[in-house]
Amino acid sequence: FSDFDVIVDGFTYRCHKHLLNATSGYFQSVFRSGMKESIENRLELKLMSRDIFEVIGRALYTGVSGLTKDNIQDIWPATQLLQIKHLSDECEHFALQHVDNGNCVEMYYFAKSIFSPNVANRANNFMIFGFEAMIKTEAFLQLMTPDVFADLLENRHLNVSSEDVAVNSILKW
């Protein structure tokens, strides 16, 4: 039976305290704290959208993560906030499998923002070894910072067909 309410974007989700306690460090802290929320058996989550909480809730109840390339950058930080280690680990695994030449710049900066060195390193390798494809992306023009770009250009493993490609990438950027 459901014994705890989680309110997200004004919608109430009836949940099982036992499941939340067993899977989420965040909820463990709430339940152990003696805070008003643990006594009233209800908590309002203001730091995520209803869509994100539904994906996480479905994953906790069914074991199916529902991760996609479109939602990974929303789901993963939420799993970190809620301290759901197994789901956060699954997010990292998913991200590692889905970094490619088209999204490596975006994934690099995202991974840095959520402190995932594994994904950041993989994305960086795609930028180095797929440099010519990477410089054709919109993310290259919009997100690339001078320090990261300089590191790429100085990398002895930079995969370019000629030095002209590197020079032209500077002019394009």
C-alpha atoms as a PDB file:
ATOM      1  CA  PHE A   1       0.000   0.000   0.000  1.00  0.00           C
ATOM      2  CA  SER A   2       1.142   3.529  -0.778  1.00  0.00           C
ATOM      3  CA  ASP A   3       2.088   5.468   2.325  1.00  0.00           C
ATOM      4  CA  PHE A   4       3.988   8.530   1.115  1.00  0.00           C
ATOM      5  CA  ASP A   5       3.059  11.369  -1.247  1.00  0.00           C
ATOM      6  CA  VAL A   6       5.586  13.022  -3.523  1.00  0.00           C
ATOM      7  CA  ILE A   7       4.272  16.226  -5.068  1.00  0.00           C
ATOM      8  CA  VAL A   8       5.844  17.412  -8.318  1.00  0.00           C
ATOM      9  CA  ASP A   9       4.493  20.328 -10.362  1.00  0.00           C
ATOM     10  CA  GLY A  10       1.273  20.212  -8.329  1.00  0.00           C
ATOM     11  CA  PHE A  11       0.658  16.524  -9.072  1.00  0.00           C
ATOM     12  CA  THR A  12       0.634  14.007  -6.218  1.00  0.00           C
ATOM     13  CA  TYR A  13       2.337  10.643  -6.672  1.00  0.00           C
ATOM     14  CA  ARG A  14       1.369   7.972  -4.160  1.00  0.00           C
ATOM     15  CA  CYS A  15       4.546   6.060  -3.360  1.00  0.00           C
ATOM     16  CA  HIS A  16       5.832   3.341  -1.082  1.00  0.00           C
ATOM     17  CA  LYS A  17       8.067   4.652   1.682  1.00  0.00           C
ATOM     18  CA  HIS A  18       9.901   1.334   1.815  1.00  0.00           C
ATOM     19  CA  LEU A  19      10.859   1.520  -1.878  1.00  0.00           C
ATOM     20  CA  LEU A  20      11.929   5.161  -1.668  1.00  0.00           C
ATOM     21  CA  ASN A  21      13.962   4.437   1.465  1.00  0.00           C
ATOM     22  CA  ALA A  22      15.631   1.392  -0.107  1.00  0.00           C
ATOM     23  CA  THR A  23      16.614   3.116  -3.359  1.00  0.00           C
ATOM     24  CA  SER A  24      17.188   6.795  -2.609  1.00  0.00           C
ATOM     25  CA  GLY A  25      19.712   8.341  -0.251  1.00  0.00           C
ATOM     26  CA  TYR A  26      17.731  11.569  -0.477  1.00  0.00           C
ATOM     27  CA  PHE A  27      14.549   9.938   0.809  1.00  0.00           C
ATOM     28  CA  GLN A  28      16.506   7.975   3.421  1.00  0.00           C
ATOM     29  CA  SER A  29      17.682  11.303   4.815  1.00  0.00           C
ATOM     30  CA  VAL A  30      14.160  12.720   4.761  1.00  0.00           C
ATOM     31  CA  PHE A  31      12.720   9.703   6.576  1.00  0.00           C
ATOM     32  CA  ARG A  32      15.453   9.615   9.219  1.00  0.00           C
ATOM     33  CA  SER A  33      15.498  13.347   9.848  1.00  0.00           C
ATOM     34  CA  GLY A  34      12.254  13.736  11.746  1.00  0.00           C
ATOM     35  CA  MET A  35      11.470  16.626   9.401  1.00  0.00           C
ATOM     36  CA  LYS A  36       7.890  17.732   8.929  1.00  0.00           C
ATOM     37  CA  GLU A  37       7.796  15.878   5.590  1.00  0.00           C
ATOM     38  CA  SER A  38       8.623  12.534   7.192  1.00  0.00           C
ATOM     39  CA  ILE A  39       5.951  13.000   9.849  1.00  0.00           C
ATOM     40  CA  GLU A  40       3.268  14.199   7.420  1.00  0.00           C
ATOM     41  CA  ASN A  41       4.276  11.537   4.855  1.00  0.00           C
ATOM     42  CA  ARG A  42       4.426  14.032   2.013  1.00  0.00           C
ATOM     43  CA  LEU A  43       7.166  15.969   0.292  1.00  0.00           C
ATOM     44  CA  GLU A  44       7.145  18.505  -2.510  1.00  0.00           C
ATOM     45  CA  LEU A  45      10.002  18.190  -5.008  1.00  0.00           C
ATOM     46  CA  LYS A  46      10.582  21.554  -6.623  1.00  0.00           C
ATOM     47  CA  LEU A  47      13.828  20.831  -8.434  1.00  0.00           C
ATOM     48  CA  MET A  48      12.518  18.618 -11.220  1.00  0.00           C
ATOM     49  CA  SER A  49       9.632  18.393 -13.615  1.00  0.00           C
ATOM     50  CA  ARG A  50       6.796  15.933 -13.490  1.00  0.00           C
ATOM     51  CA  ASP A  51       8.066  14.221 -16.657  1.00  0.00           C
ATOM     52  CA  ILE A  52      11.452  13.573 -15.061  1.00  0.00           C
ATOM     53  CA  PHE A  53       9.973  12.247 -11.828  1.00  0.00           C
ATOM     54  CA  GLU A  54       7.670   9.924 -13.790  1.00  0.00           C
ATOM     55  CA  VAL A  55      10.612   8.372 -15.641  1.00  0.00           C
ATOM     56  CA  ILE A  56      12.509   7.909 -12.377  1.00  0.00           C
ATOM     57  CA  GLY A  57       9.456   6.531 -10.571  1.00  0.00           C
ATOM     58  CA  ARG A  58       8.741   4.095 -13.391  1.00  0.00           C
ATOM     59  CA  ALA A  59      12.365   2.951 -13.261  1.00  0.00           C
ATOM     60  CA  LEU A  60      12.174   2.363  -9.508  1.00  0.00           C
ATOM     61  CA  TYR A  61       8.928   0.419  -9.732  1.00  0.00           C
ATOM     62  CA  THR A  62       9.541  -1.557 -12.937  1.00  0.00           C
ATOM     63  CA  GLY A  63      13.309  -1.720 -13.320  1.00  0.00           C
ATOM     64  CA  VAL A  64      13.023  -0.237 -16.833  1.00  0.00           C
ATOM     65  CA  SER A  65      14.970   3.011 -17.002  1.00  0.00           C
ATOM     66  CA  GLY A  66      13.267   4.700 -19.947  1.00  0.00           C
ATOM     67  CA  LEU A  67      16.487   6.539 -20.795  1.00  0.00           C
ATOM     68  CA  THR A  68      16.769   8.149 -24.208  1.00  0.00           C
ATOM     69  CA  LYS A  69      19.237  10.491 -25.879  1.00  0.00           C
ATOM     70  CA  ASP A  70      16.616  13.198 -25.424  1.00  0.00           C
ATOM     71  CA  ASN A  71      16.105  12.786 -21.669  1.00  0.00           C
ATOM     72  CA  ILE A  72      19.485  11.633 -20.329  1.00  0.00           C
ATOM     73  CA  GLN A  73      20.625  15.182 -19.545  1.00  0.00           C
ATOM     74  CA  ASP A  74      17.511  15.728 -17.419  1.00  0.00           C
ATOM     75  CA  ILE A  75      17.246  12.302 -15.792  1.00  0.00           C
ATOM     76  CA  TRP A  76      20.873  11.851 -14.751  1.00  0.00           C
ATOM     77  CA  PRO A  77      21.180  15.025 -12.619  1.00  0.00           C
ATOM     78  CA  ALA A  78      17.835  14.174 -10.994  1.00  0.00           C
ATOM     79  CA  THR A  79      19.114  10.712 -10.043  1.00  0.00           C
ATOM     80  CA  GLN A  80      22.136  12.384  -8.505  1.00  0.00           C
ATOM     81  CA  LEU A  81      19.947  14.820  -6.583  1.00  0.00           C
ATOM     82  CA  LEU A  82      17.798  11.966  -5.280  1.00  0.00           C
ATOM     83  CA  GLN A  83      20.933   9.894  -4.661  1.00  0.00           C
ATOM     84  CA  ILE A  84      19.662   6.865  -6.581  1.00  0.00           C
ATOM     85  CA  LYS A  85      23.028   5.250  -7.207  1.00  0.00           C
ATOM     86  CA  HIS A  86      21.950   2.291  -9.330  1.00  0.00           C
ATOM     87  CA  LEU A  87      19.957   4.536 -11.661  1.00  0.00           C
ATOM     88  CA  SER A  88      22.725   7.138 -11.787  1.00  0.00           C
ATOM     89  CA  ASP A  89      25.161   4.354 -12.715  1.00  0.00           C
ATOM     90  CA  GLU A  90      22.755   3.218 -15.428  1.00  0.00           C
ATOM     91  CA  CYS A  91      22.638   6.791 -16.740  1.00  0.00           C
ATOM     92  CA  GLU A  92      26.426   6.869 -16.934  1.00  0.00           C
ATOM     93  CA  HIS A  93      26.495   3.529 -18.760  1.00  0.00           C
ATOM     94  CA  PHE A  94      23.830   4.781 -21.181  1.00  0.00           C
ATOM     95  CA  ALA A  95      25.755   8.001 -21.820  1.00  0.00           C
ATOM     96  CA  LEU A  96      28.989   6.095 -22.430  1.00  0.00           C
ATOM     97  CA  GLN A  97      27.215   3.961 -25.027  1.00  0.00           C
ATOM     98  CA  HIS A  98      25.637   6.936 -26.794  1.00  0.00           C
ATOM     99  CA  VAL A  99      28.461   9.459 -27.119  1.00  0.00           C
ATOM    100  CA  ASP A 100      29.211   9.963 -30.803  1.00  0.00           C
ATOM    101  CA  ASN A 101      30.789  12.464 -33.188  1.00  0.00           C
ATOM    102  CA  GLY A 102      27.534  14.394 -33.408  1.00  0.00           C
ATOM    103  CA  ASN A 103      27.036  14.943 -29.683  1.00  0.00           C
ATOM    104  CA  CYS A 104      30.546  14.686 -28.214  1.00  0.00           C
ATOM    105  CA  VAL A 105      30.947  18.415 -27.545  1.00  0.00           C
ATOM    106  CA  GLU A 106      27.617  18.677 -25.768  1.00  0.00           C
ATOM    107  CA  MET A 107      28.216  15.453 -23.834  1.00  0.00           C
ATOM    108  CA  TYR A 108      31.696  16.619 -22.821  1.00  0.00           C
ATOM    109  CA  TYR A 109      30.399  19.780 -21.173  1.00  0.00           C
ATOM    110  CA  PHE A 110      27.401  17.992 -19.693  1.00  0.00           C
ATOM    111  CA  ALA A 111      29.644  15.295 -18.179  1.00  0.00           C
ATOM    112  CA  LYS A 112      31.910  17.962 -16.716  1.00  0.00           C
ATOM    113  CA  SER A 113      28.897  19.706 -15.165  1.00  0.00           C
ATOM    114  CA  ILE A 114      27.751  16.550 -13.362  1.00  0.00           C
ATOM    115  CA  PHE A 115      31.249  15.347 -12.447  1.00  0.00           C
ATOM    116  CA  SER A 116      31.419  12.284 -14.673  1.00  0.00           C
ATOM    117  CA  PRO A 117      35.054  11.880 -15.704  1.00  0.00           C
ATOM    118  CA  ASN A 118      34.296   8.622 -17.549  1.00  0.00           C
ATOM    119  CA  VAL A 119      31.825  10.247 -19.933  1.00  0.00           C
ATOM    120  CA  ALA A 120      33.923  13.419 -20.238  1.00  0.00           C
ATOM    121  CA  ASN A 121      36.971  11.345 -21.226  1.00  0.00           C
ATOM    122  CA  ARG A 122      34.988   9.333 -23.762  1.00  0.00           C
ATOM    123  CA  ALA A 123      33.523  12.500 -25.274  1.00  0.00           C
ATOM    124  CA  ASN A 124      36.988  14.075 -25.353  1.00  0.00           C
ATOM    125  CA  ASN A 125      38.302  11.047 -27.246  1.00  0.00           C
ATOM    126  CA  PHE A 126      35.524  11.472 -29.801  1.00  0.00           C
ATOM    127  CA  MET A 127      36.517  15.124 -30.191  1.00  0.00           C
ATOM    128  CA  ILE A 128      40.176  14.159 -30.717  1.00  0.00           C
ATOM    129  CA  PHE A 129      39.726  11.155 -32.980  1.00  0.00           C
ATOM    130  CA  GLY A 130      36.635  12.460 -34.780  1.00  0.00           C
ATOM    131  CA  PHE A 131      37.816  16.047 -34.957  1.00  0.00           C
ATOM    132  CA  GLU A 132      36.808  16.620 -38.567  1.00  0.00           C
ATOM    133  CA  ALA A 133      33.255  15.428 -37.920  1.00  0.00           C
ATOM    134  CA  MET A 134      33.047  17.294 -34.613  1.00  0.00           C
ATOM    135  CA  ILE A 135      33.952  20.675 -36.111  1.00  0.00           C
ATOM    136  CA  LYS A 136      30.970  20.390 -38.454  1.00  0.00           C
ATOM    137  CA  THR A 137      28.490  20.311 -35.564  1.00  0.00           C
ATOM    138  CA  GLU A 138      26.514  23.274 -34.293  1.00  0.00           C
ATOM    139  CA  ALA A 139      27.649  22.436 -30.753  1.00  0.00           C
ATOM    140  CA  PHE A 140      31.255  23.048 -31.782  1.00  0.00           C
ATOM    141  CA  LEU A 141      30.402  26.628 -32.706  1.00  0.00           C
ATOM    142  CA  GLN A 142      28.072  27.260 -29.785  1.00  0.00           C
ATOM    143  CA  LEU A 143      29.640  25.434 -26.835  1.00  0.00           C
ATOM    144  CA  MET A 144      33.362  25.050 -27.432  1.00  0.00           C
ATOM    145  CA  THR A 145      35.440  27.088 -24.994  1.00  0.00           C
ATOM    146  CA  PRO A 146      38.894  28.475 -25.813  1.00  0.00           C
ATOM    147  CA  ASP A 147      40.719  26.338 -23.249  1.00  0.00           C
ATOM    148  CA  VAL A 148      39.187  23.051 -24.406  1.00  0.00           C
ATOM    149  CA  PHE A 149      39.674  23.974 -28.068  1.00  0.00           C
ATOM    150  CA  ALA A 150      43.332  24.825 -27.422  1.00  0.00           C
ATOM    151  CA  ASP A 151      43.823  21.494 -25.608  1.00  0.00           C
ATOM    152  CA  LEU A 152      42.347  19.650 -28.593  1.00  0.00           C
ATOM    153  CA  LEU A 153      44.561  21.463 -31.091  1.00  0.00           C
ATOM    154  CA  GLU A 154      47.653  20.776 -28.984  1.00  0.00           C
ATOM    155  CA  ASN A 155      46.845  17.086 -28.530  1.00  0.00           C
ATOM    156  CA  ARG A 156      49.410  14.961 -30.363  1.00  0.00           C
ATOM    157  CA  HIS A 157      46.701  12.389 -31.176  1.00  0.00           C
ATOM    158  CA  LEU A 158      44.455  14.919 -32.937  1.00  0.00           C
ATOM    159  CA  ASN A 159      43.096  13.105 -35.969  1.00  0.00           C
ATOM    160  CA  VAL A 160      43.099  15.458 -38.953  1.00  0.00           C
ATOM    161  CA  SER A 161      43.775  14.749 -42.612  1.00  0.00           C
ATOM    162  CA  SER A 162      46.004  17.830 -42.830  1.00  0.00           C
ATOM    163  CA  GLU A 163      47.110  20.819 -40.798  1.00  0.00           C
ATOM    164  CA  ASP A 164      44.840  22.916 -42.997  1.00  0.00           C
ATOM    165  CA  VAL A 165      41.850  21.274 -41.314  1.00  0.00           C
ATOM    166  CA  ALA A 166      43.079  22.453 -37.906  1.00  0.00           C
ATOM    167  CA  VAL A 167      43.784  25.967 -39.191  1.00  0.00           C
ATOM    168  CA  ASN A 168      40.401  26.190 -40.919  1.00  0.00           C
ATOM    169  CA  SER A 169      38.673  25.008 -37.743  1.00  0.00           C
ATOM    170  CA  ILE A 170      40.210  27.962 -35.900  1.00  0.00           C
ATOM    171  CA  LEU A 171      38.981  30.360 -38.573  1.00  0.00           C
ATOM    172  CA  LYS A 172      35.516  28.795 -38.540  1.00  0.00           C
ATOM    173  CA  TRP A 173      35.285  28.944 -34.764  1.00  0.00           C
END
